[in-house]
């Protein structure tokens, strides 16, 4: 008679269920992102941050949870941007339709190339992913009649979202749109990583041979998460194309893949929030340092990243947190 309540209580208190529960810092993070809509003249930058956060989230799904390294994640980002742009010009200007088409194209490319990426060592994967990105860059450059080549894809007129919300010059609608898409896809990714599928990915990341020995279908799991990651990256590219109404070969550049890796280095990989937090910090550092030294901002950003790697993110955070906590305690004692 008491077996069912005990089993449900055990399930409720299990580590997996505990990790899947929402906590107040998570709610505060998304409420702060929503409250940023009230900031004047900042929506264009906030839109860029939301898109970069989604792009970083897509890479975190394979790097942080499956241990798949990539130097060519911009291939999916660029594909999504061009698919959304071409669909807007030649078919329809509905943004949601462009997102669905971009996600489908990214998933197809991710599934087709996933089997290549899974072969060999980490160095092999780096070269294969980089090669795929360079190949798509050259295809887009050669197909100038379709993509515009070096001149970019012009003539995009994106319609109102759901026929109601038109894009404005200040980026308010664009940021709200990108934030909504980021939040919904984040919810789905959160559900995935806390599911048995996500737990099996962590087992594969920690020890692939041991995971295979206990019956985990390693290849299918890795291809599945790589396909999902590619779809997420393509949606991020589509958001960039729709909110800026322009696509160029820059979406396939190596710096896109490098920047998103830096975002995860700053924010941390393997806990989903590393992408959004890293995107905010990376964009803030980029703007702040470039404002101080316009000519040498990349040097100081690189120096910060070297310090972060040498010291370690956890030690650096603790080094800031302890003096801050001591200061707050003194302020409280003074009261």
C-alpha atoms as a PDB file:
ATOM      1  CA  UNK A   1       0.000   0.000   0.000  1.00  0.00           C
ATOM      2  CA  UNK A   2       2.890   2.377   0.761  1.00  0.00           C
ATOM      3  CA  UNK A   3       5.139   1.349  -2.138  1.00  0.00           C
ATOM      4  CA  UNK A   4       3.725   3.874  -4.597  1.00  0.00           C
ATOM      5  CA  UNK A   5       4.105   6.940  -2.337  1.00  0.00           C
ATOM      6  CA  UNK A   6       7.628   5.899  -1.396  1.00  0.00           C
ATOM      7  CA  UNK A   7       8.639   5.416  -5.032  1.00  0.00           C
ATOM      8  CA  UNK A   8       7.179   8.773  -6.040  1.00  0.00           C
ATOM      9  CA  UNK A   9       8.957  10.452  -3.111  1.00  0.00           C
ATOM     10  CA  UNK A  10      12.223   8.778  -4.094  1.00  0.00           C
ATOM     11  CA  UNK A  11      11.771   9.939  -7.666  1.00  0.00           C
ATOM     12  CA  UNK A  12      11.027  13.444  -6.458  1.00  0.00           C
ATOM     13  CA  UNK A  13      14.194  13.524  -4.361  1.00  0.00           C
ATOM     14  CA  UNK A  14      16.441  11.798  -6.903  1.00  0.00           C
ATOM     15  CA  UNK A  15      19.517  13.729  -8.111  1.00  0.00           C
ATOM     16  CA  UNK A  16      18.140  13.966 -11.655  1.00  0.00           C
ATOM     17  CA  UNK A  17      14.818  15.378 -10.456  1.00  0.00           C
ATOM     18  CA  UNK A  18      16.626  17.778  -8.150  1.00  0.00           C
ATOM     19  CA  UNK A  19      18.779  19.112 -10.975  1.00  0.00           C
ATOM     20  CA  UNK A  20      15.739  19.519 -13.236  1.00  0.00           C
ATOM     21  CA  UNK A  21      13.900  21.760 -10.762  1.00  0.00           C
ATOM     22  CA  UNK A  22      13.914  25.492 -11.385  1.00  0.00           C
ATOM     23  CA  UNK A  23      15.743  27.654  -8.874  1.00  0.00           C
ATOM     24  CA  UNK A  24      15.321  31.320  -8.093  1.00  0.00           C
ATOM     25  CA  UNK A  25      18.601  32.469  -9.757  1.00  0.00           C
ATOM     26  CA  UNK A  26      17.343  31.029 -13.036  1.00  0.00           C
ATOM     27  CA  UNK A  27      14.057  32.892 -12.757  1.00  0.00           C
ATOM     28  CA  UNK A  28      15.924  36.095 -11.874  1.00  0.00           C
ATOM     29  CA  UNK A  29      18.146  35.690 -14.934  1.00  0.00           C
ATOM     30  CA  UNK A  30      15.226  35.507 -17.353  1.00  0.00           C
ATOM     31  CA  UNK A  31      13.302  38.258 -15.552  1.00  0.00           C
ATOM     32  CA  UNK A  32      16.371  40.493 -15.903  1.00  0.00           C
ATOM     33  CA  UNK A  33      16.552  39.675 -19.602  1.00  0.00           C
ATOM     34  CA  UNK A  34      12.882  40.576 -19.965  1.00  0.00           C
ATOM     35  CA  UNK A  35      13.307  43.762 -17.948  1.00  0.00           C
ATOM     36  CA  UNK A  36      16.071  44.812 -20.341  1.00  0.00           C
ATOM     37  CA  UNK A  37      13.271  45.714 -22.766  1.00  0.00           C
ATOM     38  CA  UNK A  38      12.830  48.841 -20.659  1.00  0.00           C
ATOM     39  CA  UNK A  39      16.386  50.012 -21.329  1.00  0.00           C
ATOM     40  CA  UNK A  40      16.377  52.848 -23.879  1.00  0.00           C
ATOM     41  CA  UNK A  41      18.592  52.733 -26.978  1.00  0.00           C
ATOM     42  CA  UNK A  42      20.122  49.338 -26.074  1.00  0.00           C
ATOM     43  CA  UNK A  43      17.866  46.928 -27.901  1.00  0.00           C
ATOM     44  CA  UNK A  44      20.090  46.485 -30.959  1.00  0.00           C
ATOM     45  CA  UNK A  45      23.006  45.355 -28.795  1.00  0.00           C
ATOM     46  CA  UNK A  46      20.723  43.205 -26.658  1.00  0.00           C
ATOM     47  CA  UNK A  47      19.428  41.531 -29.801  1.00  0.00           C
ATOM     48  CA  UNK A  48      23.001  40.665 -30.806  1.00  0.00           C
ATOM     49  CA  UNK A  49      23.605  39.217 -27.344  1.00  0.00           C
ATOM     50  CA  UNK A  50      20.447  37.075 -27.510  1.00  0.00           C
ATOM     51  CA  UNK A  51      21.470  35.675 -30.906  1.00  0.00           C
ATOM     52  CA  UNK A  52      25.017  35.013 -29.715  1.00  0.00           C
ATOM     53  CA  UNK A  53      23.612  33.311 -26.603  1.00  0.00           C
ATOM     54  CA  UNK A  54      21.518  30.957 -28.747  1.00  0.00           C
ATOM     55  CA  UNK A  55      24.518  30.235 -30.961  1.00  0.00           C
ATOM     56  CA  UNK A  56      26.620  29.458 -27.876  1.00  0.00           C
ATOM     57  CA  UNK A  57      23.832  27.286 -26.478  1.00  0.00           C
ATOM     58  CA  UNK A  58      23.903  25.231 -29.667  1.00  0.00           C
ATOM     59  CA  UNK A  59      27.639  24.636 -29.300  1.00  0.00           C
ATOM     60  CA  UNK A  60      27.286  23.837 -25.599  1.00  0.00           C
ATOM     61  CA  UNK A  61      24.926  20.974 -26.439  1.00  0.00           C
ATOM     62  CA  UNK A  62      27.710  19.133 -28.246  1.00  0.00           C
ATOM     63  CA  UNK A  63      30.799  20.433 -26.450  1.00  0.00           C
ATOM     64  CA  UNK A  64      29.600  20.584 -22.867  1.00  0.00           C
ATOM     65  CA  UNK A  65      27.301  17.558 -22.871  1.00  0.00           C
ATOM     66  CA  UNK A  66      28.735  15.238 -25.513  1.00  0.00           C
ATOM     67  CA  UNK A  67      32.398  16.252 -25.647  1.00  0.00           C
ATOM     68  CA  UNK A  68      32.337  16.997 -29.399  1.00  0.00           C
ATOM     69  CA  UNK A  69      34.705  19.828 -30.270  1.00  0.00           C
ATOM     70  CA  UNK A  70      34.022  21.986 -33.321  1.00  0.00           C
ATOM     71  CA  UNK A  71      35.825  24.787 -35.116  1.00  0.00           C
ATOM     72  CA  UNK A  72      33.251  25.102 -37.872  1.00  0.00           C
ATOM     73  CA  UNK A  73      29.954  25.629 -36.099  1.00  0.00           C
ATOM     74  CA  UNK A  74      29.493  28.731 -38.249  1.00  0.00           C
ATOM     75  CA  UNK A  75      28.569  26.376 -41.109  1.00  0.00           C
ATOM     76  CA  UNK A  76      25.124  25.816 -39.586  1.00  0.00           C
ATOM     77  CA  UNK A  77      24.813  29.435 -38.487  1.00  0.00           C
ATOM     78  CA  UNK A  78      25.497  30.658 -42.016  1.00  0.00           C
ATOM     79  CA  UNK A  79      23.250  28.072 -43.626  1.00  0.00           C
ATOM     80  CA  UNK A  80      20.351  29.151 -41.435  1.00  0.00           C
ATOM     81  CA  UNK A  81      20.970  32.803 -42.287  1.00  0.00           C
ATOM     82  CA  UNK A  82      20.956  32.182 -46.049  1.00  0.00           C
ATOM     83  CA  UNK A  83      17.939  29.855 -45.928  1.00  0.00           C
ATOM     84  CA  UNK A  84      15.925  32.438 -43.987  1.00  0.00           C
ATOM     85  CA  UNK A  85      17.095  35.238 -46.287  1.00  0.00           C
ATOM     86  CA  UNK A  86      16.341  33.413 -49.527  1.00  0.00           C
ATOM     87  CA  UNK A  87      12.966  32.266 -48.213  1.00  0.00           C
ATOM     88  CA  UNK A  88      12.094  35.856 -47.303  1.00  0.00           C
ATOM     89  CA  UNK A  89      13.009  37.145 -50.764  1.00  0.00           C
ATOM     90  CA  UNK A  90      11.565  34.400 -52.960  1.00  0.00           C
ATOM     91  CA  UNK A  91       8.746  32.783 -50.951  1.00  0.00           C
ATOM     92  CA  UNK A  92       7.292  34.667 -47.995  1.00  0.00           C
ATOM     93  CA  UNK A  93       8.369  37.227 -45.444  1.00  0.00           C
ATOM     94  CA  UNK A  94       6.832  35.486 -42.410  1.00  0.00           C
ATOM     95  CA  UNK A  95       9.656  35.232 -39.816  1.00  0.00           C
ATOM     96  CA  UNK A  96       8.437  32.057 -38.113  1.00  0.00           C
ATOM     97  CA  UNK A  97       8.339  30.233 -41.433  1.00  0.00           C
ATOM     98  CA  UNK A  98      11.962  31.239 -41.982  1.00  0.00           C
ATOM     99  CA  UNK A  99      12.934  29.907 -38.570  1.00  0.00           C
ATOM    100  CA  UNK A 100      11.317  26.534 -39.253  1.00  0.00           C
ATOM    101  CA  UNK A 101      12.965  26.276 -42.679  1.00  0.00           C
ATOM    102  CA  UNK A 102      16.353  27.239 -41.267  1.00  0.00           C
ATOM    103  CA  UNK A 103      16.051  24.709 -38.434  1.00  0.00           C
ATOM    104  CA  UNK A 104      15.146  21.993 -40.934  1.00  0.00           C
ATOM    105  CA  UNK A 105      18.068  22.830 -43.215  1.00  0.00           C
ATOM    106  CA  UNK A 106      20.480  22.911 -40.278  1.00  0.00           C
ATOM    107  CA  UNK A 107      19.197  19.586 -38.966  1.00  0.00           C
ATOM    108  CA  UNK A 108      19.610  17.946 -42.388  1.00  0.00           C
ATOM    109  CA  UNK A 109      23.176  19.219 -42.734  1.00  0.00           C
ATOM    110  CA  UNK A 110      23.967  18.229 -39.152  1.00  0.00           C
ATOM    111  CA  UNK A 111      22.617  14.714 -39.680  1.00  0.00           C
ATOM    112  CA  UNK A 112      24.475  14.332 -42.995  1.00  0.00           C
ATOM    113  CA  UNK A 113      27.811  15.480 -41.563  1.00  0.00           C
ATOM    114  CA  UNK A 114      27.399  13.986 -38.092  1.00  0.00           C
ATOM    115  CA  UNK A 115      28.734  10.608 -39.166  1.00  0.00           C
ATOM    116  CA  UNK A 116      31.909  12.255 -40.472  1.00  0.00           C
ATOM    117  CA  UNK A 117      32.431  14.283 -37.309  1.00  0.00           C
ATOM    118  CA  UNK A 118      32.138  11.235 -35.051  1.00  0.00           C
ATOM    119  CA  UNK A 119      35.063   9.463 -36.669  1.00  0.00           C
ATOM    120  CA  UNK A 120      38.614   9.852 -35.451  1.00  0.00           C
ATOM    121  CA  UNK A 121      40.128  11.942 -32.677  1.00  0.00           C
ATOM    122  CA  UNK A 122      39.361  15.453 -31.469  1.00  0.00           C
ATOM    123  CA  UNK A 123      41.913  16.877 -33.904  1.00  0.00           C
ATOM    124  CA  UNK A 124      40.168  15.097 -36.772  1.00  0.00           C
ATOM    125  CA  UNK A 125      36.825  16.542 -35.712  1.00  0.00           C
ATOM    126  CA  UNK A 126      38.293  20.035 -35.568  1.00  0.00           C
ATOM    127  CA  UNK A 127      39.595  19.727 -39.106  1.00  0.00           C
ATOM    128  CA  UNK A 128      36.392  18.165 -40.468  1.00  0.00           C
ATOM    129  CA  UNK A 129      34.120  20.807 -38.938  1.00  0.00           C
ATOM    130  CA  UNK A 130      36.412  23.591 -40.125  1.00  0.00           C
ATOM    131  CA  UNK A 131      36.482  22.059 -43.611  1.00  0.00           C
ATOM    132  CA  UNK A 132      32.676  21.910 -43.786  1.00  0.00           C
ATOM    133  CA  UNK A 133      32.450  25.585 -42.860  1.00  0.00           C
ATOM    134  CA  UNK A 134      35.045  26.578 -45.467  1.00  0.00           C
ATOM    135  CA  UNK A 135      33.278  24.486 -48.094  1.00  0.00           C
ATOM    136  CA  UNK A 136      29.948  26.221 -47.497  1.00  0.00           C
ATOM    137  CA  UNK A 137      31.680  29.596 -47.531  1.00  0.00           C
ATOM    138  CA  UNK A 138      33.109  28.868 -50.970  1.00  0.00           C
ATOM    139  CA  UNK A 139      29.795  27.534 -52.282  1.00  0.00           C
ATOM    140  CA  UNK A 140      28.033  30.717 -51.167  1.00  0.00           C
ATOM    141  CA  UNK A 141      30.799  32.799 -52.732  1.00  0.00           C
ATOM    142  CA  UNK A 142      30.634  30.973 -56.073  1.00  0.00           C
ATOM    143  CA  UNK A 143      26.823  30.949 -56.266  1.00  0.00           C
ATOM    144  CA  UNK A 144      26.722  34.737 -56.519  1.00  0.00           C
ATOM    145  CA  UNK A 145      23.585  34.654 -58.654  1.00  0.00           C
ATOM    146  CA  UNK A 146      21.672  33.147 -55.744  1.00  0.00           C
ATOM    147  CA  UNK A 147      23.484  34.414 -52.657  1.00  0.00           C
ATOM    148  CA  UNK A 148      24.834  37.730 -53.882  1.00  0.00           C
ATOM    149  CA  UNK A 149      28.400  36.563 -53.356  1.00  0.00           C
ATOM    150  CA  UNK A 150      30.702  39.136 -51.783  1.00  0.00           C
ATOM    151  CA  UNK A 151      28.009  41.825 -52.095  1.00  0.00           C
ATOM    152  CA  UNK A 152      25.681  39.965 -49.770  1.00  0.00           C
ATOM    153  CA  UNK A 153      22.019  39.067 -49.985  1.00  0.00           C
ATOM    154  CA  UNK A 154      20.030  42.266 -50.472  1.00  0.00           C
ATOM    155  CA  UNK A 155      16.336  42.941 -50.898  1.00  0.00           C
ATOM    156  CA  UNK A 156      15.065  41.255 -47.733  1.00  0.00           C
ATOM    157  CA  UNK A 157      11.734  42.600 -46.479  1.00  0.00           C
ATOM    158  CA  UNK A 158      10.731  40.719 -43.344  1.00  0.00           C
ATOM    159  CA  UNK A 159       7.038  40.866 -42.542  1.00  0.00           C
ATOM    160  CA  UNK A 160       5.466  41.379 -39.119  1.00  0.00           C
ATOM    161  CA  UNK A 161       5.725  38.507 -36.668  1.00  0.00           C
ATOM    162  CA  UNK A 162       2.441  36.590 -36.802  1.00  0.00           C
ATOM    163  CA  UNK A 163       1.134  39.464 -38.892  1.00  0.00           C
ATOM    164  CA  UNK A 164       1.038  41.775 -35.857  1.00  0.00           C
ATOM    165  CA  UNK A 165       4.477  42.840 -34.596  1.00  0.00           C
ATOM    166  CA  UNK A 166       6.499  44.851 -37.089  1.00  0.00           C
ATOM    167  CA  UNK A 167      10.258  45.286 -36.812  1.00  0.00           C
ATOM    168  CA  UNK A 168      11.301  48.815 -35.855  1.00  0.00           C
ATOM    169  CA  UNK A 169      14.526  50.767 -36.340  1.00  0.00           C
ATOM    170  CA  UNK A 170      15.338  50.752 -32.623  1.00  0.00           C
ATOM    171  CA  UNK A 171      15.448  46.948 -32.382  1.00  0.00           C
ATOM    172  CA  UNK A 172      12.759  46.629 -29.712  1.00  0.00           C
ATOM    173  CA  UNK A 173      10.713  44.054 -31.608  1.00  0.00           C
ATOM    174  CA  UNK A 174      13.876  42.311 -32.772  1.00  0.00           C
ATOM    175  CA  UNK A 175      15.145  41.855 -29.213  1.00  0.00           C
ATOM    176  CA  UNK A 176      11.773  40.676 -27.912  1.00  0.00           C
ATOM    177  CA  UNK A 177      11.549  38.227 -30.825  1.00  0.00           C
ATOM    178  CA  UNK A 178      15.093  36.871 -30.358  1.00  0.00           C
ATOM    179  CA  UNK A 179      14.652  36.629 -26.585  1.00  0.00           C
ATOM    180  CA  UNK A 180      11.394  34.700 -26.955  1.00  0.00           C
ATOM    181  CA  UNK A 181      12.989  32.233 -29.381  1.00  0.00           C
ATOM    182  CA  UNK A 182      16.039  31.874 -27.112  1.00  0.00           C
ATOM    183  CA  UNK A 183      13.850  31.190 -24.070  1.00  0.00           C
ATOM    184  CA  UNK A 184      11.685  28.589 -25.814  1.00  0.00           C
ATOM    185  CA  UNK A 185      14.664  26.737 -27.261  1.00  0.00           C
ATOM    186  CA  UNK A 186      16.420  26.958 -23.898  1.00  0.00           C
ATOM    187  CA  UNK A 187      13.422  25.287 -22.249  1.00  0.00           C
ATOM    188  CA  UNK A 188      13.567  22.470 -24.782  1.00  0.00           C
ATOM    189  CA  UNK A 189      17.334  22.064 -24.370  1.00  0.00           C
ATOM    190  CA  UNK A 190      16.909  22.007 -20.596  1.00  0.00           C
ATOM    191  CA  UNK A 191      14.347  19.251 -20.936  1.00  0.00           C
ATOM    192  CA  UNK A 192      16.675  17.295 -23.211  1.00  0.00           C
ATOM    193  CA  UNK A 193      19.782  17.454 -21.011  1.00  0.00           C
ATOM    194  CA  UNK A 194      17.835  16.399 -17.891  1.00  0.00           C
ATOM    195  CA  UNK A 195      16.209  13.468 -19.687  1.00  0.00           C
ATOM    196  CA  UNK A 196      17.637   9.931 -19.902  1.00  0.00           C
ATOM    197  CA  UNK A 197      18.941  10.945 -23.340  1.00  0.00           C
ATOM    198  CA  UNK A 198      20.917  13.788 -21.766  1.00  0.00           C
ATOM    199  CA  UNK A 199      22.229  11.582 -18.969  1.00  0.00           C
ATOM    200  CA  UNK A 200      23.466   9.078 -21.540  1.00  0.00           C
ATOM    201  CA  UNK A 201      25.291  11.912 -23.322  1.00  0.00           C
ATOM    202  CA  UNK A 202      27.135  12.769 -20.123  1.00  0.00           C
ATOM    203  CA  UNK A 203      28.104   9.122 -19.737  1.00  0.00           C
ATOM    204  CA  UNK A 204      29.465   9.133 -23.280  1.00  0.00           C
ATOM    205  CA  UNK A 205      31.361  12.365 -22.631  1.00  0.00           C
ATOM    206  CA  UNK A 206      32.978  10.965 -19.483  1.00  0.00           C
ATOM    207  CA  UNK A 207      33.881   7.548 -20.868  1.00  0.00           C
ATOM    208  CA  UNK A 208      32.728   6.475 -24.300  1.00  0.00           C
ATOM    209  CA  UNK A 209      33.966   2.891 -24.013  1.00  0.00           C
ATOM    210  CA  UNK A 210      32.268   2.338 -20.672  1.00  0.00           C
ATOM    211  CA  UNK A 211      29.007   3.826 -21.982  1.00  0.00           C
ATOM    212  CA  UNK A 212      29.100   1.478 -24.972  1.00  0.00           C
ATOM    213  CA  UNK A 213      29.834  -1.458 -22.691  1.00  0.00           C
ATOM    214  CA  UNK A 214      26.666  -0.894 -20.649  1.00  0.00           C
ATOM    215  CA  UNK A 215      24.525  -0.743 -23.796  1.00  0.00           C
ATOM    216  CA  UNK A 216      24.314   2.948 -24.663  1.00  0.00           C
ATOM    217  CA  UNK A 217      23.997   3.402 -28.478  1.00  0.00           C
ATOM    218  CA  UNK A 218      26.893   5.842 -28.683  1.00  0.00           C
ATOM    219  CA  UNK A 219      26.783   6.667 -32.393  1.00  0.00           C
ATOM    220  CA  UNK A 220      23.032   7.290 -32.465  1.00  0.00           C
ATOM    221  CA  UNK A 221      23.157   9.469 -29.363  1.00  0.00           C
ATOM    222  CA  UNK A 222      25.986  11.612 -30.722  1.00  0.00           C
ATOM    223  CA  UNK A 223      24.409  12.008 -34.160  1.00  0.00           C
ATOM    224  CA  UNK A 224      21.131  12.950 -32.500  1.00  0.00           C
ATOM    225  CA  UNK A 225      22.600  15.707 -30.326  1.00  0.00           C
ATOM    226  CA  UNK A 226      24.778  16.938 -33.201  1.00  0.00           C
ATOM    227  CA  UNK A 227      21.670  17.245 -35.375  1.00  0.00           C
ATOM    228  CA  UNK A 228      19.824  19.160 -32.651  1.00  0.00           C
ATOM    229  CA  UNK A 229      22.822  21.433 -32.128  1.00  0.00           C
ATOM    230  CA  UNK A 230      23.000  22.171 -35.856  1.00  0.00           C
ATOM    231  CA  UNK A 231      19.297  23.092 -35.906  1.00  0.00           C
ATOM    232  CA  UNK A 232      19.801  25.487 -32.977  1.00  0.00           C
ATOM    233  CA  UNK A 233      22.768  27.159 -34.685  1.00  0.00           C
ATOM    234  CA  UNK A 234      20.766  27.535 -37.904  1.00  0.00           C
ATOM    235  CA  UNK A 235      17.924  29.219 -35.996  1.00  0.00           C
ATOM    236  CA  UNK A 236      20.458  31.665 -34.520  1.00  0.00           C
ATOM    237  CA  UNK A 237      21.661  32.476 -38.037  1.00  0.00           C
ATOM    238  CA  UNK A 238      18.081  32.938 -39.224  1.00  0.00           C
ATOM    239  CA  UNK A 239      17.430  35.364 -36.367  1.00  0.00           C
ATOM    240  CA  UNK A 240      20.444  37.418 -37.408  1.00  0.00           C
ATOM    241  CA  UNK A 241      19.268  37.509 -41.031  1.00  0.00           C
ATOM    242  CA  UNK A 242      15.702  38.466 -40.135  1.00  0.00           C
ATOM    243  CA  UNK A 243      16.522  41.131 -37.544  1.00  0.00           C
ATOM    244  CA  UNK A 244      19.198  42.814 -39.677  1.00  0.00           C
ATOM    245  CA  UNK A 245      17.508  42.044 -43.039  1.00  0.00           C
ATOM    246  CA  UNK A 246      20.885  41.394 -44.617  1.00  0.00           C
ATOM    247  CA  UNK A 247      23.118  38.334 -45.103  1.00  0.00           C
ATOM    248  CA  UNK A 248      26.738  38.306 -46.215  1.00  0.00           C
ATOM    249  CA  UNK A 249      29.561  35.795 -46.453  1.00  0.00           C
ATOM    250  CA  UNK A 250      30.620  36.985 -43.004  1.00  0.00           C
ATOM    251  CA  UNK A 251      28.180  34.486 -41.472  1.00  0.00           C
ATOM    252  CA  UNK A 252      30.506  31.653 -42.535  1.00  0.00           C
ATOM    253  CA  UNK A 253      33.722  33.306 -41.339  1.00  0.00           C
ATOM    254  CA  UNK A 254      36.045  31.521 -38.952  1.00  0.00           C
ATOM    255  CA  UNK A 255      35.708  34.298 -36.384  1.00  0.00           C
ATOM    256  CA  UNK A 256      32.078  33.261 -35.840  1.00  0.00           C
ATOM    257  CA  UNK A 257      33.163  29.807 -34.703  1.00  0.00           C
ATOM    258  CA  UNK A 258      36.065  31.241 -32.699  1.00  0.00           C
ATOM    259  CA  UNK A 259      33.902  33.838 -30.952  1.00  0.00           C
ATOM    260  CA  UNK A 260      31.319  31.294 -29.859  1.00  0.00           C
ATOM    261  CA  UNK A 261      34.100  29.116 -28.426  1.00  0.00           C
ATOM    262  CA  UNK A 262      35.390  32.115 -26.493  1.00  0.00           C
ATOM    263  CA  UNK A 263      31.898  32.731 -25.176  1.00  0.00           C
ATOM    264  CA  UNK A 264      31.818  29.211 -23.734  1.00  0.00           C
ATOM    265  CA  UNK A 265      35.332  29.617 -22.325  1.00  0.00           C
ATOM    266  CA  UNK A 266      34.145  32.712 -20.463  1.00  0.00           C
ATOM    267  CA  UNK A 267      30.733  31.412 -19.409  1.00  0.00           C
ATOM    268  CA  UNK A 268      31.594  27.755 -18.975  1.00  0.00           C
ATOM    269  CA  UNK A 269      30.392  24.665 -20.816  1.00  0.00           C
ATOM    270  CA  UNK A 270      28.130  21.889 -19.654  1.00  0.00           C
ATOM    271  CA  UNK A 271      25.415  23.713 -17.719  1.00  0.00           C
ATOM    272  CA  UNK A 272      23.408  25.561 -20.445  1.00  0.00           C
ATOM    273  CA  UNK A 273      23.696  28.981 -18.800  1.00  0.00           C
ATOM    274  CA  UNK A 274      27.326  29.230 -19.866  1.00  0.00           C
ATOM    275  CA  UNK A 275      26.219  30.361 -23.321  1.00  0.00           C
ATOM    276  CA  UNK A 276      23.872  33.210 -22.256  1.00  0.00           C
ATOM    277  CA  UNK A 277      26.120  34.400 -19.423  1.00  0.00           C
ATOM    278  CA  UNK A 278      29.227  34.157 -21.587  1.00  0.00           C
ATOM    279  CA  UNK A 279      27.498  36.086 -24.380  1.00  0.00           C
ATOM    280  CA  UNK A 280      26.688  38.963 -22.018  1.00  0.00           C
ATOM    281  CA  UNK A 281      30.219  39.071 -20.584  1.00  0.00           C
ATOM    282  CA  UNK A 282      31.909  38.694 -23.971  1.00  0.00           C
ATOM    283  CA  UNK A 283      29.883  41.507 -25.523  1.00  0.00           C
ATOM    284  CA  UNK A 284      30.433  43.723 -22.490  1.00  0.00           C
ATOM    285  CA  UNK A 285      34.178  43.105 -22.518  1.00  0.00           C
ATOM    286  CA  UNK A 286      34.342  43.697 -26.252  1.00  0.00           C
ATOM    287  CA  UNK A 287      32.529  47.041 -26.036  1.00  0.00           C
ATOM    288  CA  UNK A 288      34.266  48.197 -22.867  1.00  0.00           C
ATOM    289  CA  UNK A 289      37.812  47.345 -23.950  1.00  0.00           C
ATOM    290  CA  UNK A 290      37.301  48.698 -27.483  1.00  0.00           C
ATOM    291  CA  UNK A 291      36.057  51.937 -25.912  1.00  0.00           C
ATOM    292  CA  UNK A 292      39.243  52.216 -23.843  1.00  0.00           C
ATOM    293  CA  UNK A 293      41.713  51.157 -26.523  1.00  0.00           C
ATOM    294  CA  UNK A 294      40.107  51.046 -29.988  1.00  0.00           C
ATOM    295  CA  UNK A 295      43.328  49.834 -31.634  1.00  0.00           C
ATOM    296  CA  UNK A 296      44.373  47.172 -29.114  1.00  0.00           C
ATOM    297  CA  UNK A 297      41.077  45.883 -27.743  1.00  0.00           C
ATOM    298  CA  UNK A 298      41.677  42.389 -29.147  1.00  0.00           C
ATOM    299  CA  UNK A 299      45.033  42.206 -27.314  1.00  0.00           C
ATOM    300  CA  UNK A 300      43.470  42.956 -23.930  1.00  0.00           C
ATOM    301  CA  UNK A 301      40.567  40.592 -24.573  1.00  0.00           C
ATOM    302  CA  UNK A 302      43.087  37.876 -25.419  1.00  0.00           C
ATOM    303  CA  UNK A 303      45.057  38.679 -22.260  1.00  0.00           C
ATOM    304  CA  UNK A 304      41.900  38.298 -20.189  1.00  0.00           C
ATOM    305  CA  UNK A 305      41.175  34.914 -21.769  1.00  0.00           C
ATOM    306  CA  UNK A 306      44.741  33.737 -21.112  1.00  0.00           C
ATOM    307  CA  UNK A 307      44.346  34.800 -17.465  1.00  0.00           C
ATOM    308  CA  UNK A 308      41.024  33.004 -17.281  1.00  0.00           C
ATOM    309  CA  UNK A 309      42.550  29.775 -18.585  1.00  0.00           C
ATOM    310  CA  UNK A 310      45.692  29.945 -16.422  1.00  0.00           C
ATOM    311  CA  UNK A 311      43.989  30.910 -13.173  1.00  0.00           C
ATOM    312  CA  UNK A 312      40.803  28.968 -13.757  1.00  0.00           C
ATOM    313  CA  UNK A 313      37.243  30.237 -13.865  1.00  0.00           C
ATOM    314  CA  UNK A 314      36.317  28.860 -10.450  1.00  0.00           C
ATOM    315  CA  UNK A 315      39.304  30.441  -8.708  1.00  0.00           C
ATOM    316  CA  UNK A 316      38.699  33.748 -10.465  1.00  0.00           C
ATOM    317  CA  UNK A 317      35.040  33.770  -9.443  1.00  0.00           C
ATOM    318  CA  UNK A 318      35.907  32.878  -5.852  1.00  0.00           C
ATOM    319  CA  UNK A 319      38.524  35.622  -5.802  1.00  0.00           C
ATOM    320  CA  UNK A 320      35.847  38.159  -6.708  1.00  0.00           C
ATOM    321  CA  UNK A 321      33.064  36.640  -4.621  1.00  0.00           C
ATOM    322  CA  UNK A 322      34.911  36.568  -1.281  1.00  0.00           C
ATOM    323  CA  UNK A 323      35.889  40.274  -1.146  1.00  0.00           C
ATOM    324  CA  UNK A 324      32.400  41.193  -2.336  1.00  0.00           C
ATOM    325  CA  UNK A 325      30.792  39.078   0.384  1.00  0.00           C
ATOM    326  CA  UNK A 326      33.121  40.609   3.002  1.00  0.00           C
ATOM    327  CA  UNK A 327      32.225  44.101   1.806  1.00  0.00           C
ATOM    328  CA  UNK A 328      28.502  43.371   1.970  1.00  0.00           C
ATOM    329  CA  UNK A 329      28.843  41.910   5.463  1.00  0.00           C
ATOM    330  CA  UNK A 330      30.673  45.042   6.658  1.00  0.00           C
ATOM    331  CA  UNK A 331      27.981  47.240   5.167  1.00  0.00           C
ATOM    332  CA  UNK A 332      25.364  45.149   6.945  1.00  0.00           C
ATOM    333  CA  UNK A 333      27.276  45.342  10.238  1.00  0.00           C
ATOM    334  CA  UNK A 334      27.604  49.122   9.906  1.00  0.00           C
ATOM    335  CA  UNK A 335      23.873  49.430   9.722  1.00  0.00           C
END
